[in-house]
Amino acid sequence: MIIMIMKVSATLALATISGVSAFTAPHVLQPARQSTSLSVSQTDLDGAQSMIDDIVKEKNCGPVFVRLAWHDSGTFDVSISGEEWPKAGGAIGSIRFDPEINHGANAGLAGAVKLLEPVKEAYPEVSYADIFQMASARGIELAGGPKINMKYGRVDATSPSQCSPEGNLPDAEAGNEGKFGGPGGTASTEDDSAEWHLRKVFYRMGLGDEEIVALSGAHSFGRAYADRSGVGAEKTKFTDGSPTKLADGSETIAYTPGGSPWVENWLVFDNSYFHTVNDPSTDSELLKCTSDKVLWEDAGFAPFTEKFTDQDAFFESYAKAHKALSELGSNFQTVE
């Protein structure tokens, strides 16, 4: 699940360290591709943001918008980024198409796309890719998280033929016979260990260990469902329809009950994840996946879990990581 906001372009190098296959994380950045079209205006973007804000506030759906945007951008493959756009995948809006929206890892996201359709109808010049990424960033900021310096003007994929292959996204737990990758998982993301599964997924995007840990911290926000990610209870004491806190200190029951959160106040974006996962005294109904716990166990990840117990440090790294993730594979046009 990770700084500057430019399109990543580098080659993944697979090395062998003490007999363990490992990637060397690339951090070579170059400016995002940009076209000369002037069809997108700041006025349209502002209008789209206003509509998105209203949807988030009414539905408390910020977490699913974060998941939608990440799953759109998280298909990016830095090793083929030099080929003709949009072969490398990324934040191109292709998740709205079948077959991608029906990939196993995207279960439940068709509803999120539907929630955002009125925004596209009202502001047709704003791309789906921009709408998905904007909804994610707004969901986080409205929940008390950091302001993310987003860039807009993304060009959309135009057909299902431009969808990425299934299996590029990370799993919370081991799959069949201890392997990762999920239904239709690609060999490039499979590994017997949680730490190297995460690295194979995110290094393939061109992101590194700090970004992996920072983006994992977004588990403070939202819930997991067994029928979507393979983990999570039908409901818990924190998600049974009883009041839950919002960032402004008020409480709401305006959410659909169900799922398992990682933290008690799961509609607030903060750094509570980094104070909960490694604490054995936390409530047993809070989720702690293998891919969460390994962040404290792995020597490369652990310094960042310690760093992010400070919320300011977490927000700073998170905002950079989110911005980088949101631009992977994007083809930008100029905004008027």
C-alpha atoms as a PDB file:
ATOM      1  CA  MET A   1       0.000   0.000   0.000  1.00  0.00           C
ATOM      2  CA  ILE A   2       3.794   5.166  -1.083  1.00  0.00           C
ATOM      3  CA  ILE A   3       7.815  11.835  -3.209  1.00  0.00           C
ATOM      4  CA  MET A   4       7.068  14.283  -5.505  1.00  0.00           C
ATOM      5  CA  ILE A   5       4.159  14.160  -7.696  1.00  0.00           C
ATOM      6  CA  MET A   6       5.596  13.222 -10.863  1.00  0.00           C
ATOM      7  CA  LYS A   7       5.213  10.155 -12.937  1.00  0.00           C
ATOM      8  CA  VAL A   8       7.642   7.450 -11.836  1.00  0.00           C
ATOM      9  CA  SER A   9       9.804   5.912 -14.503  1.00  0.00           C
ATOM     10  CA  ALA A  10      12.534   3.442 -13.626  1.00  0.00           C
ATOM     11  CA  THR A  11      13.493  -0.186 -13.952  1.00  0.00           C
ATOM     12  CA  LEU A  12      12.841  -2.671 -11.172  1.00  0.00           C
ATOM     13  CA  ALA A  13      15.905  -4.669 -10.269  1.00  0.00           C
ATOM     14  CA  LEU A  14      15.488  -8.083  -8.696  1.00  0.00           C
ATOM     15  CA  ALA A  15      18.366  -8.921  -6.393  1.00  0.00           C
ATOM     16  CA  THR A  16      19.155 -11.864  -4.184  1.00  0.00           C
ATOM     17  CA  ILE A  17      19.962 -10.995  -0.584  1.00  0.00           C
ATOM     18  CA  SER A  18      20.968 -13.837   1.727  1.00  0.00           C
ATOM     19  CA  GLY A  19      19.100 -16.261  -0.495  1.00  0.00           C
ATOM     20  CA  VAL A  20      15.887 -14.171  -0.387  1.00  0.00           C
ATOM     21  CA  SER A  21      14.518 -12.675  -3.591  1.00  0.00           C
ATOM     22  CA  ALA A  22      14.138  -8.919  -3.158  1.00  0.00           C
ATOM     23  CA  PHE A  23      13.455  -5.874  -5.262  1.00  0.00           C
ATOM     24  CA  THR A  24      15.510  -2.720  -5.217  1.00  0.00           C
ATOM     25  CA  ALA A  25      12.959   0.072  -5.006  1.00  0.00           C
ATOM     26  CA  PRO A  26      13.200   2.620  -7.810  1.00  0.00           C
ATOM     27  CA  HIS A  27      12.993   6.325  -7.048  1.00  0.00           C
ATOM     28  CA  VAL A  28      13.805   7.885 -10.399  1.00  0.00           C
ATOM     29  CA  LEU A  29      11.150  10.515 -11.118  1.00  0.00           C
ATOM     30  CA  GLN A  30      10.399  12.428 -14.264  1.00  0.00           C
ATOM     31  CA  PRO A  31       7.716  14.974 -15.155  1.00  0.00           C
ATOM     32  CA  ALA A  32       4.254  13.580 -15.832  1.00  0.00           C
ATOM     33  CA  ARG A  33       3.287  13.479 -19.497  1.00  0.00           C
ATOM     34  CA  GLN A  34       1.229  16.487 -20.511  1.00  0.00           C
ATOM     35  CA  SER A  35      -0.844  17.223 -23.623  1.00  0.00           C
ATOM     36  CA  THR A  36      -1.774  20.617 -25.065  1.00  0.00           C
ATOM     37  CA  SER A  37      -5.576  20.294 -24.746  1.00  0.00           C
ATOM     38  CA  LEU A  38      -7.297  23.110 -22.856  1.00  0.00           C
ATOM     39  CA  SER A  39     -10.737  21.484 -22.452  1.00  0.00           C
ATOM     40  CA  VAL A  40     -10.686  21.230 -18.639  1.00  0.00           C
ATOM     41  CA  SER A  41     -11.325  24.409 -16.692  1.00  0.00           C
ATOM     42  CA  GLN A  42     -10.650  25.272 -13.068  1.00  0.00           C
ATOM     43  CA  THR A  43     -14.289  26.308 -12.807  1.00  0.00           C
ATOM     44  CA  ASP A  44     -15.386  22.770 -13.733  1.00  0.00           C
ATOM     45  CA  LEU A  45     -12.937  21.268 -11.247  1.00  0.00           C
ATOM     46  CA  ASP A  46     -14.221  23.553  -8.493  1.00  0.00           C
ATOM     47  CA  GLY A  47     -17.797  22.586  -9.278  1.00  0.00           C
ATOM     48  CA  ALA A  48     -16.933  18.890  -9.256  1.00  0.00           C
ATOM     49  CA  GLN A  49     -15.203  19.278  -5.903  1.00  0.00           C
ATOM     50  CA  SER A  50     -18.247  20.975  -4.405  1.00  0.00           C
ATOM     51  CA  MET A  51     -20.468  18.111  -5.528  1.00  0.00           C
ATOM     52  CA  ILE A  52     -18.027  15.519  -4.217  1.00  0.00           C
ATOM     53  CA  ASP A  53     -17.847  17.266  -0.847  1.00  0.00           C
ATOM     54  CA  ASP A  54     -21.625  17.128  -0.569  1.00  0.00           C
ATOM     55  CA  ILE A  55     -21.670  13.410  -1.397  1.00  0.00           C
ATOM     56  CA  VAL A  56     -18.953  12.614   1.148  1.00  0.00           C
ATOM     57  CA  LYS A  57     -20.688  14.585   3.893  1.00  0.00           C
ATOM     58  CA  GLU A  58     -24.087  13.041   3.195  1.00  0.00           C
ATOM     59  CA  LYS A  59     -22.988   9.433   2.729  1.00  0.00           C
ATOM     60  CA  ASN A  60     -19.825   9.266   4.900  1.00  0.00           C
ATOM     61  CA  CYS A  61     -18.332   7.414   1.958  1.00  0.00           C
ATOM     62  CA  GLY A  62     -14.817   8.855   2.053  1.00  0.00           C
ATOM     63  CA  PRO A  63     -13.181   5.479   2.770  1.00  0.00           C
ATOM     64  CA  VAL A  64     -14.650   3.736  -0.275  1.00  0.00           C
ATOM     65  CA  PHE A  65     -13.617   6.673  -2.461  1.00  0.00           C
ATOM     66  CA  VAL A  66     -10.042   6.237  -1.200  1.00  0.00           C
ATOM     67  CA  ARG A  67     -10.193   2.547  -2.094  1.00  0.00           C
ATOM     68  CA  LEU A  68     -11.628   3.308  -5.547  1.00  0.00           C
ATOM     69  CA  ALA A  69      -8.885   5.790  -6.403  1.00  0.00           C
ATOM     70  CA  TRP A  70      -6.113   3.563  -5.087  1.00  0.00           C
ATOM     71  CA  HIS A  71      -7.351   0.554  -7.013  1.00  0.00           C
ATOM     72  CA  ASP A  72      -7.487   2.626 -10.193  1.00  0.00           C
ATOM     73  CA  SER A  73      -3.959   3.984  -9.790  1.00  0.00           C
ATOM     74  CA  GLY A  74      -2.464   0.879  -8.143  1.00  0.00           C
ATOM     75  CA  THR A  75      -2.358  -1.131 -11.366  1.00  0.00           C
ATOM     76  CA  PHE A  76       0.626   0.911 -12.575  1.00  0.00           C
ATOM     77  CA  ASP A  77       3.705  -0.973 -13.774  1.00  0.00           C
ATOM     78  CA  VAL A  78       6.822   1.190 -13.831  1.00  0.00           C
ATOM     79  CA  SER A  79       8.721  -1.387 -15.895  1.00  0.00           C
ATOM     80  CA  ILE A  80       6.563  -0.693 -18.961  1.00  0.00           C
ATOM     81  CA  SER A  81       5.945   3.008 -18.360  1.00  0.00           C
ATOM     82  CA  GLY A  82       8.017   3.950 -21.383  1.00  0.00           C
ATOM     83  CA  GLU A  83       5.593   2.230 -23.743  1.00  0.00           C
ATOM     84  CA  GLU A  84       2.637   3.908 -25.415  1.00  0.00           C
ATOM     85  CA  TRP A  85       0.132   5.350 -22.926  1.00  0.00           C
ATOM     86  CA  PRO A  86      -1.880   3.842 -21.232  1.00  0.00           C
ATOM     87  CA  LYS A  87      -0.282   0.379 -21.411  1.00  0.00           C
ATOM     88  CA  ALA A  88       1.369   0.801 -17.993  1.00  0.00           C
ATOM     89  CA  GLY A  89      -1.992   1.264 -16.234  1.00  0.00           C
ATOM     90  CA  GLY A  90      -2.343   3.646 -13.321  1.00  0.00           C
ATOM     91  CA  ALA A  91      -4.706   6.535 -12.593  1.00  0.00           C
ATOM     92  CA  ILE A  92      -6.443   6.498 -15.971  1.00  0.00           C
ATOM     93  CA  GLY A  93     -10.072   5.847 -14.986  1.00  0.00           C
ATOM     94  CA  SER A  94     -10.057   2.336 -16.450  1.00  0.00           C
ATOM     95  CA  ILE A  95     -11.538   0.875 -13.260  1.00  0.00           C
ATOM     96  CA  ARG A  96     -14.979   1.996 -14.472  1.00  0.00           C
ATOM     97  CA  PHE A  97     -14.870  -0.615 -17.240  1.00  0.00           C
ATOM     98  CA  ASP A  98     -15.714  -4.301 -17.203  1.00  0.00           C
ATOM     99  CA  PRO A  99     -13.628  -6.454 -16.795  1.00  0.00           C
ATOM    100  CA  GLU A 100     -11.514  -4.319 -14.409  1.00  0.00           C
ATOM    101  CA  ILE A 101     -14.383  -3.275 -12.128  1.00  0.00           C
ATOM    102  CA  ASN A 102     -15.211  -6.974 -11.714  1.00  0.00           C
ATOM    103  CA  HIS A 103     -11.713  -8.064 -10.726  1.00  0.00           C
ATOM    104  CA  GLY A 104     -11.750  -9.833  -7.358  1.00  0.00           C
ATOM    105  CA  ALA A 105      -9.839  -7.063  -5.579  1.00  0.00           C
ATOM    106  CA  ASN A 106     -12.401  -4.502  -6.776  1.00  0.00           C
ATOM    107  CA  ALA A 107     -15.446  -6.132  -5.200  1.00  0.00           C
ATOM    108  CA  GLY A 108     -17.837  -3.478  -3.910  1.00  0.00           C
ATOM    109  CA  LEU A 109     -16.357  -0.616  -5.938  1.00  0.00           C
ATOM    110  CA  ALA A 110     -19.051  -0.494  -8.622  1.00  0.00           C
ATOM    111  CA  GLY A 111     -21.241   1.265  -6.060  1.00  0.00           C
ATOM    112  CA  ALA A 112     -18.571   3.915  -5.526  1.00  0.00           C
ATOM    113  CA  VAL A 113     -18.395   4.582  -9.265  1.00  0.00           C
ATOM    114  CA  LYS A 114     -22.182   4.938  -9.311  1.00  0.00           C
ATOM    115  CA  LEU A 115     -22.113   7.490  -6.491  1.00  0.00           C
ATOM    116  CA  LEU A 116     -19.804   9.660  -8.588  1.00  0.00           C
ATOM    117  CA  GLU A 117     -21.702   9.408 -11.876  1.00  0.00           C
ATOM    118  CA  PRO A 118     -23.759  12.573 -11.133  1.00  0.00           C
ATOM    119  CA  VAL A 119     -20.501  14.521 -10.889  1.00  0.00           C
ATOM    120  CA  LYS A 120     -19.459  13.332 -14.345  1.00  0.00           C
ATOM    121  CA  GLU A 121     -22.892  14.167 -15.727  1.00  0.00           C
ATOM    122  CA  ALA A 122     -22.764  17.696 -14.307  1.00  0.00           C
ATOM    123  CA  TYR A 123     -19.145  18.328 -15.362  1.00  0.00           C
ATOM    124  CA  PRO A 124     -18.480  16.147 -18.433  1.00  0.00           C
ATOM    125  CA  GLU A 125     -15.159  17.861 -19.189  1.00  0.00           C
ATOM    126  CA  VAL A 126     -13.726  16.547 -15.906  1.00  0.00           C
ATOM    127  CA  SER A 127     -12.327  13.072 -16.505  1.00  0.00           C
ATOM    128  CA  TYR A 128     -13.352  10.029 -14.535  1.00  0.00           C
ATOM    129  CA  ALA A 129      -9.694   9.661 -13.529  1.00  0.00           C
ATOM    130  CA  ASP A 130      -9.734  13.152 -12.008  1.00  0.00           C
ATOM    131  CA  ILE A 131     -13.091  12.579 -10.322  1.00  0.00           C
ATOM    132  CA  PHE A 132     -11.932   9.328  -8.710  1.00  0.00           C
ATOM    133  CA  GLN A 133      -8.676  10.843  -7.446  1.00  0.00           C
ATOM    134  CA  MET A 134     -10.388  14.054  -6.293  1.00  0.00           C
ATOM    135  CA  ALA A 135     -12.986  12.063  -4.331  1.00  0.00           C
ATOM    136  CA  SER A 136     -10.207  10.215  -2.539  1.00  0.00           C
ATOM    137  CA  ALA A 137      -8.277  13.348  -1.582  1.00  0.00           C
ATOM    138  CA  ARG A 138     -11.427  15.177  -0.489  1.00  0.00           C
ATOM    139  CA  GLY A 139     -12.591  12.223   1.567  1.00  0.00           C
ATOM    140  CA  ILE A 140      -9.315  12.292   3.481  1.00  0.00           C
ATOM    141  CA  GLU A 141      -9.226  16.044   4.062  1.00  0.00           C
ATOM    142  CA  LEU A 142     -12.873  16.219   5.150  1.00  0.00           C
ATOM    143  CA  ALA A 143     -12.153  13.452   7.667  1.00  0.00           C
ATOM    144  CA  GLY A 144      -9.427  15.520   9.340  1.00  0.00           C
ATOM    145  CA  GLY A 145      -6.512  14.269   7.261  1.00  0.00           C
ATOM    146  CA  PRO A 146      -3.844  16.303   5.489  1.00  0.00           C
ATOM    147  CA  LYS A 147      -4.504  18.565   2.523  1.00  0.00           C
ATOM    148  CA  ILE A 148      -3.011  16.859  -0.509  1.00  0.00           C
ATOM    149  CA  ASN A 149      -1.493  19.029  -3.242  1.00  0.00           C
ATOM    150  CA  MET A 150      -3.379  17.306  -6.039  1.00  0.00           C
ATOM    151  CA  LYS A 151      -2.803  17.878  -9.740  1.00  0.00           C
ATOM    152  CA  TYR A 152      -5.712  17.587 -12.174  1.00  0.00           C
ATOM    153  CA  GLY A 153      -6.205  17.296 -15.906  1.00  0.00           C
ATOM    154  CA  ARG A 154      -5.878  13.495 -16.238  1.00  0.00           C
ATOM    155  CA  VAL A 155      -6.879  11.937 -19.524  1.00  0.00           C
ATOM    156  CA  ASP A 156      -9.227   8.946 -19.333  1.00  0.00           C
ATOM    157  CA  ALA A 157      -8.758   5.483 -20.739  1.00  0.00           C
ATOM    158  CA  THR A 158     -11.442   5.122 -23.387  1.00  0.00           C
ATOM    159  CA  SER A 159     -12.220   1.428 -23.667  1.00  0.00           C
ATOM    160  CA  PRO A 160     -12.142  -1.910 -21.791  1.00  0.00           C
ATOM    161  CA  SER A 161      -9.189  -2.950 -23.938  1.00  0.00           C
ATOM    162  CA  GLN A 162      -7.097  -0.491 -21.913  1.00  0.00           C
ATOM    163  CA  CYS A 163      -7.809  -2.195 -18.576  1.00  0.00           C
ATOM    164  CA  SER A 164      -4.889  -3.651 -16.639  1.00  0.00           C
ATOM    165  CA  PRO A 165      -4.582  -7.400 -15.988  1.00  0.00           C
ATOM    166  CA  GLU A 166      -6.019  -8.781 -12.774  1.00  0.00           C
ATOM    167  CA  GLY A 167      -3.772  -9.485  -9.814  1.00  0.00           C
ATOM    168  CA  ASN A 168      -1.665  -6.323  -9.484  1.00  0.00           C
ATOM    169  CA  LEU A 169      -3.135  -5.190  -6.147  1.00  0.00           C
ATOM    170  CA  PRO A 170      -2.001  -6.206  -2.633  1.00  0.00           C
ATOM    171  CA  ASP A 171      -3.640  -8.861  -0.446  1.00  0.00           C
ATOM    172  CA  ALA A 172      -4.243  -8.581   3.286  1.00  0.00           C
ATOM    173  CA  GLU A 173      -3.541 -12.254   3.947  1.00  0.00           C
ATOM    174  CA  ALA A 174      -1.871 -15.214   2.285  1.00  0.00           C
ATOM    175  CA  GLY A 175      -3.723 -16.865  -0.576  1.00  0.00           C
ATOM    176  CA  ASN A 176      -3.704 -20.500  -1.656  1.00  0.00           C
ATOM    177  CA  GLU A 177      -0.792 -22.504  -0.264  1.00  0.00           C
ATOM    178  CA  GLY A 178       0.658 -19.427   1.381  1.00  0.00           C
ATOM    179  CA  LYS A 179       0.853 -17.467  -1.853  1.00  0.00           C
ATOM    180  CA  PHE A 180      -0.273 -13.913  -2.444  1.00  0.00           C
ATOM    181  CA  GLY A 181      -1.798 -12.261  -5.458  1.00  0.00           C
ATOM    182  CA  GLY A 182      -5.490 -13.059  -5.060  1.00  0.00           C
ATOM    183  CA  PRO A 183      -7.845 -14.361  -7.719  1.00  0.00           C
ATOM    184  CA  GLY A 184      -5.933 -14.337 -10.977  1.00  0.00           C
ATOM    185  CA  GLY A 185      -2.913 -12.923  -9.171  1.00  0.00           C
ATOM    186  CA  THR A 186       0.122 -12.224 -11.299  1.00  0.00           C
ATOM    187  CA  ALA A 187       3.369 -14.019 -10.618  1.00  0.00           C
ATOM    188  CA  SER A 188       5.108 -10.683 -10.127  1.00  0.00           C
ATOM    189  CA  THR A 189       3.142 -10.022  -6.915  1.00  0.00           C
ATOM    190  CA  GLU A 190       3.207 -13.481  -5.347  1.00  0.00           C
ATOM    191  CA  ASP A 191       5.461 -14.254  -2.406  1.00  0.00           C
ATOM    192  CA  ASP A 192       5.418 -16.517   0.637  1.00  0.00           C
ATOM    193  CA  SER A 193       6.062 -13.570   2.963  1.00  0.00           C
ATOM    194  CA  ALA A 194       3.789 -10.630   3.626  1.00  0.00           C
ATOM    195  CA  GLU A 195       6.655  -8.142   3.543  1.00  0.00           C
ATOM    196  CA  TRP A 196       7.894  -9.175   0.106  1.00  0.00           C
ATOM    197  CA  HIS A 197       4.410  -9.438  -1.331  1.00  0.00           C
ATOM    198  CA  LEU A 198       3.882  -5.794  -0.323  1.00  0.00           C
ATOM    199  CA  ARG A 199       7.236  -4.798  -1.743  1.00  0.00           C
ATOM    200  CA  LYS A 200       6.658  -6.588  -5.039  1.00  0.00           C
ATOM    201  CA  VAL A 201       3.314  -4.808  -5.428  1.00  0.00           C
ATOM    202  CA  PHE A 202       4.532  -1.324  -4.511  1.00  0.00           C
ATOM    203  CA  TYR A 203       8.023  -1.524  -5.952  1.00  0.00           C
ATOM    204  CA  ARG A 204       6.333  -2.479  -9.229  1.00  0.00           C
ATOM    205  CA  MET A 205       4.576   0.903  -9.004  1.00  0.00           C
ATOM    206  CA  GLY A 206       7.897   2.646  -8.338  1.00  0.00           C
ATOM    207  CA  LEU A 207       7.159   3.282  -4.653  1.00  0.00           C
ATOM    208  CA  GLY A 208       9.356   2.448  -1.649  1.00  0.00           C
ATOM    209  CA  ASP A 209       9.242   1.311   1.987  1.00  0.00           C
ATOM    210  CA  GLU A 210       8.310   4.686   3.496  1.00  0.00           C
ATOM    211  CA  GLU A 211       5.440   5.005   1.041  1.00  0.00           C
ATOM    212  CA  ILE A 212       4.232   1.478   1.808  1.00  0.00           C
ATOM    213  CA  VAL A 213       4.043   2.235   5.534  1.00  0.00           C
ATOM    214  CA  ALA A 214       2.542   5.696   5.049  1.00  0.00           C
ATOM    215  CA  LEU A 215      -0.213   4.433   2.760  1.00  0.00           C
ATOM    216  CA  SER A 216      -0.915   1.532   5.114  1.00  0.00           C
ATOM    217  CA  GLY A 217      -1.654   4.166   7.747  1.00  0.00           C
ATOM    218  CA  ALA A 218      -4.816   5.020   5.834  1.00  0.00           C
ATOM    219  CA  HIS A 219      -6.282   1.912   7.468  1.00  0.00           C
ATOM    220  CA  SER A 220      -7.194   4.350  10.228  1.00  0.00           C
ATOM    221  CA  PHE A 221      -9.968   5.299   7.818  1.00  0.00           C
ATOM    222  CA  GLY A 222     -12.659   2.801   6.890  1.00  0.00           C
ATOM    223  CA  ARG A 223     -13.498  -0.891   7.246  1.00  0.00           C
ATOM    224  CA  ALA A 224     -12.696  -4.264   5.691  1.00  0.00           C
ATOM    225  CA  TYR A 225     -15.347  -6.688   4.488  1.00  0.00           C
ATOM    226  CA  ALA A 226     -14.893 -10.417   4.007  1.00  0.00           C
ATOM    227  CA  ASP A 227     -16.780 -10.389   0.709  1.00  0.00           C
ATOM    228  CA  ARG A 228     -14.514  -7.658  -0.676  1.00  0.00           C
ATOM    229  CA  SER A 229     -11.004  -8.206   0.665  1.00  0.00           C
ATOM    230  CA  GLY A 230     -11.325 -11.636   2.248  1.00  0.00           C
ATOM    231  CA  VAL A 231     -10.947 -10.331   5.797  1.00  0.00           C
ATOM    232  CA  GLY A 232     -13.289  -8.729   8.307  1.00  0.00           C
ATOM    233  CA  ALA A 233     -16.283  -9.682  10.411  1.00  0.00           C
ATOM    234  CA  GLU A 234     -19.911  -9.285   9.355  1.00  0.00           C
ATOM    235  CA  LYS A 235     -20.008  -6.430  11.874  1.00  0.00           C
ATOM    236  CA  THR A 236     -18.398  -5.340  15.144  1.00  0.00           C
ATOM    237  CA  LYS A 237     -19.379  -3.221  18.140  1.00  0.00           C
ATOM    238  CA  PHE A 238     -17.819  -0.302  16.244  1.00  0.00           C
ATOM    239  CA  THR A 239     -19.746  -0.876  12.998  1.00  0.00           C
ATOM    240  CA  ASP A 240     -23.120  -2.205  14.135  1.00  0.00           C
ATOM    241  CA  GLY A 241     -25.030   0.995  13.396  1.00  0.00           C
ATOM    242  CA  SER A 242     -24.218   2.665  16.698  1.00  0.00           C
ATOM    243  CA  PRO A 243     -22.844   6.245  16.644  1.00  0.00           C
ATOM    244  CA  THR A 244     -19.293   6.734  15.446  1.00  0.00           C
ATOM    245  CA  LYS A 245     -17.189   9.891  15.667  1.00  0.00           C
ATOM    246  CA  LEU A 246     -16.482  12.354  12.885  1.00  0.00           C
ATOM    247  CA  ALA A 247     -13.479  14.646  12.555  1.00  0.00           C
ATOM    248  CA  ASP A 248     -15.341  17.631  14.016  1.00  0.00           C
ATOM    249  CA  GLY A 249     -16.056  15.723  17.234  1.00  0.00           C
ATOM    250  CA  SER A 250     -19.703  15.054  16.443  1.00  0.00           C
ATOM    251  CA  GLU A 251     -21.147  11.565  15.961  1.00  0.00           C
ATOM    252  CA  THR A 252     -23.115   9.978  13.143  1.00  0.00           C
ATOM    253  CA  ILE A 253     -25.207   6.896  12.468  1.00  0.00           C
ATOM    254  CA  ALA A 254     -25.401   7.756   8.757  1.00  0.00           C
ATOM    255  CA  TYR A 255     -23.508   4.720   7.527  1.00  0.00           C
ATOM    256  CA  THR A 256     -24.350   1.186   6.439  1.00  0.00           C
ATOM    257  CA  PRO A 257     -23.509  -1.219   9.289  1.00  0.00           C
ATOM    258  CA  GLY A 258     -20.945  -3.944   8.751  1.00  0.00           C
ATOM    259  CA  GLY A 259     -17.279  -4.781   8.353  1.00  0.00           C
ATOM    260  CA  SER A 260     -14.262  -4.596  10.634  1.00  0.00           C
ATOM    261  CA  PRO A 261     -12.289  -1.398  11.322  1.00  0.00           C
ATOM    262  CA  TRP A 262      -8.630  -1.193  12.288  1.00  0.00           C
ATOM    263  CA  VAL A 263      -9.371   1.584  14.811  1.00  0.00           C
ATOM    264  CA  GLU A 264     -12.349   2.665  16.897  1.00  0.00           C
ATOM    265  CA  ASN A 265     -13.009   6.022  15.209  1.00  0.00           C
ATOM    266  CA  TRP A 266     -12.907   4.741  11.661  1.00  0.00           C
ATOM    267  CA  LEU A 267     -14.458   7.831  10.023  1.00  0.00           C
ATOM    268  CA  VAL A 268     -11.616  10.037  11.272  1.00  0.00           C
ATOM    269  CA  PHE A 269      -8.342  10.201   9.338  1.00  0.00           C
ATOM    270  CA  ASP A 270      -5.482  10.336  11.848  1.00  0.00           C
ATOM    271  CA  ASN A 271      -2.475   8.250  12.894  1.00  0.00           C
ATOM    272  CA  SER A 272      -4.301   5.978  15.352  1.00  0.00           C
ATOM    273  CA  TYR A 273      -3.345   2.955  13.223  1.00  0.00           C
ATOM    274  CA  PHE A 274       0.237   3.394  14.389  1.00  0.00           C
ATOM    275  CA  HIS A 275      -0.847   3.289  18.024  1.00  0.00           C
ATOM    276  CA  THR A 276      -3.252   0.359  17.662  1.00  0.00           C
ATOM    277  CA  VAL A 277      -1.887  -2.433  15.469  1.00  0.00           C
ATOM    278  CA  ASN A 278       1.169  -3.118  17.611  1.00  0.00           C
ATOM    279  CA  ASP A 279      -0.663  -2.742  20.940  1.00  0.00           C
ATOM    280  CA  PRO A 280      -1.794  -6.139  22.313  1.00  0.00           C
ATOM    281  CA  SER A 281      -4.224  -4.463  24.692  1.00  0.00           C
ATOM    282  CA  THR A 282      -6.459  -3.065  21.949  1.00  0.00           C
ATOM    283  CA  ASP A 283     -10.002  -4.363  21.521  1.00  0.00           C
ATOM    284  CA  SER A 284     -10.125  -7.832  19.975  1.00  0.00           C
ATOM    285  CA  GLU A 285     -12.727  -6.710  17.436  1.00  0.00           C
ATOM    286  CA  LEU A 286     -10.254  -4.352  15.779  1.00  0.00           C
ATOM    287  CA  LEU A 287      -8.629  -5.765  12.659  1.00  0.00           C
ATOM    288  CA  LYS A 288      -4.941  -6.656  12.495  1.00  0.00           C
ATOM    289  CA  CYS A 289      -3.988  -8.321   9.210  1.00  0.00           C
ATOM    290  CA  THR A 290      -0.714 -10.074   8.468  1.00  0.00           C
ATOM    291  CA  SER A 291       0.113  -7.234   6.091  1.00  0.00           C
ATOM    292  CA  ASP A 292      -0.404  -4.772   8.965  1.00  0.00           C
ATOM    293  CA  LYS A 293       1.589  -6.589  11.639  1.00  0.00           C
ATOM    294  CA  VAL A 294       4.560  -7.149   9.364  1.00  0.00           C
ATOM    295  CA  LEU A 295       5.154  -3.389   9.250  1.00  0.00           C
ATOM    296  CA  TRP A 296       6.390  -3.621  12.850  1.00  0.00           C
ATOM    297  CA  GLU A 297       8.314  -6.855  12.287  1.00  0.00           C
ATOM    298  CA  ASP A 298      10.315  -6.066   9.159  1.00  0.00           C
ATOM    299  CA  ALA A 299      13.545  -4.127   9.647  1.00  0.00           C
ATOM    300  CA  GLY A 300      12.943  -1.943   6.597  1.00  0.00           C
ATOM    301  CA  PHE A 301       9.405  -0.969   7.548  1.00  0.00           C
ATOM    302  CA  ALA A 302       9.745  -0.636  11.340  1.00  0.00           C
ATOM    303  CA  PRO A 303      11.560   2.738  11.445  1.00  0.00           C
ATOM    304  CA  PHE A 304       8.611   4.308   9.689  1.00  0.00           C
ATOM    305  CA  THR A 305       5.989   2.801  11.996  1.00  0.00           C
ATOM    306  CA  GLU A 306       7.928   4.421  14.833  1.00  0.00           C
ATOM    307  CA  LYS A 307       8.234   7.719  12.945  1.00  0.00           C
ATOM    308  CA  PHE A 308       4.500   7.829  12.255  1.00  0.00           C
ATOM    309  CA  THR A 309       3.491   7.650  15.908  1.00  0.00           C
ATOM    310  CA  ASP A 310       3.943  11.405  15.489  1.00  0.00           C
ATOM    311  CA  GLN A 311       0.892  12.573  13.563  1.00  0.00           C
ATOM    312  CA  ASP A 312       2.595  15.548  11.918  1.00  0.00           C
ATOM    313  CA  ALA A 313       5.311  13.271  10.540  1.00  0.00           C
ATOM    314  CA  PHE A 314       2.697  10.810   9.315  1.00  0.00           C
ATOM    315  CA  PHE A 315       0.603  13.495   7.612  1.00  0.00           C
ATOM    316  CA  GLU A 316       3.657  14.939   5.866  1.00  0.00           C
ATOM    317  CA  SER A 317       4.758  11.577   4.459  1.00  0.00           C
ATOM    318  CA  TYR A 318       1.225  10.453   3.742  1.00  0.00           C
ATOM    319  CA  ALA A 319       0.359  13.538   1.674  1.00  0.00           C
ATOM    320  CA  LYS A 320       3.463  13.034  -0.498  1.00  0.00           C
ATOM    321  CA  ALA A 321       2.761   9.317  -0.903  1.00  0.00           C
ATOM    322  CA  HIS A 322      -0.884   9.852  -1.771  1.00  0.00           C
ATOM    323  CA  LYS A 323       0.018  12.488  -4.353  1.00  0.00           C
ATOM    324  CA  ALA A 324       2.599  10.206  -5.952  1.00  0.00           C
ATOM    325  CA  LEU A 325       0.169   7.290  -6.059  1.00  0.00           C
ATOM    326  CA  SER A 326      -2.561   9.478  -7.563  1.00  0.00           C
ATOM    327  CA  GLU A 327      -0.380  10.426 -10.545  1.00  0.00           C
ATOM    328  CA  LEU A 328       1.019   7.043 -11.511  1.00  0.00           C
ATOM    329  CA  GLY A 329       0.552   6.462 -15.223  1.00  0.00           C
ATOM    330  CA  SER A 330      -1.459   9.648 -15.652  1.00  0.00           C
ATOM    331  CA  ASN A 331      -1.457  11.559 -18.934  1.00  0.00           C
ATOM    332  CA  PHE A 332      -2.196  15.192 -18.046  1.00  0.00           C
ATOM    333  CA  GLN A 333      -3.744  17.911 -20.135  1.00  0.00           C
ATOM    334  CA  THR A 334      -3.452  21.569 -19.211  1.00  0.00           C
ATOM    335  CA  VAL A 335      -6.171  23.036 -16.991  1.00  0.00           C
ATOM    336  CA  GLU A 336      -7.496  26.417 -18.110  1.00  0.00           C
END
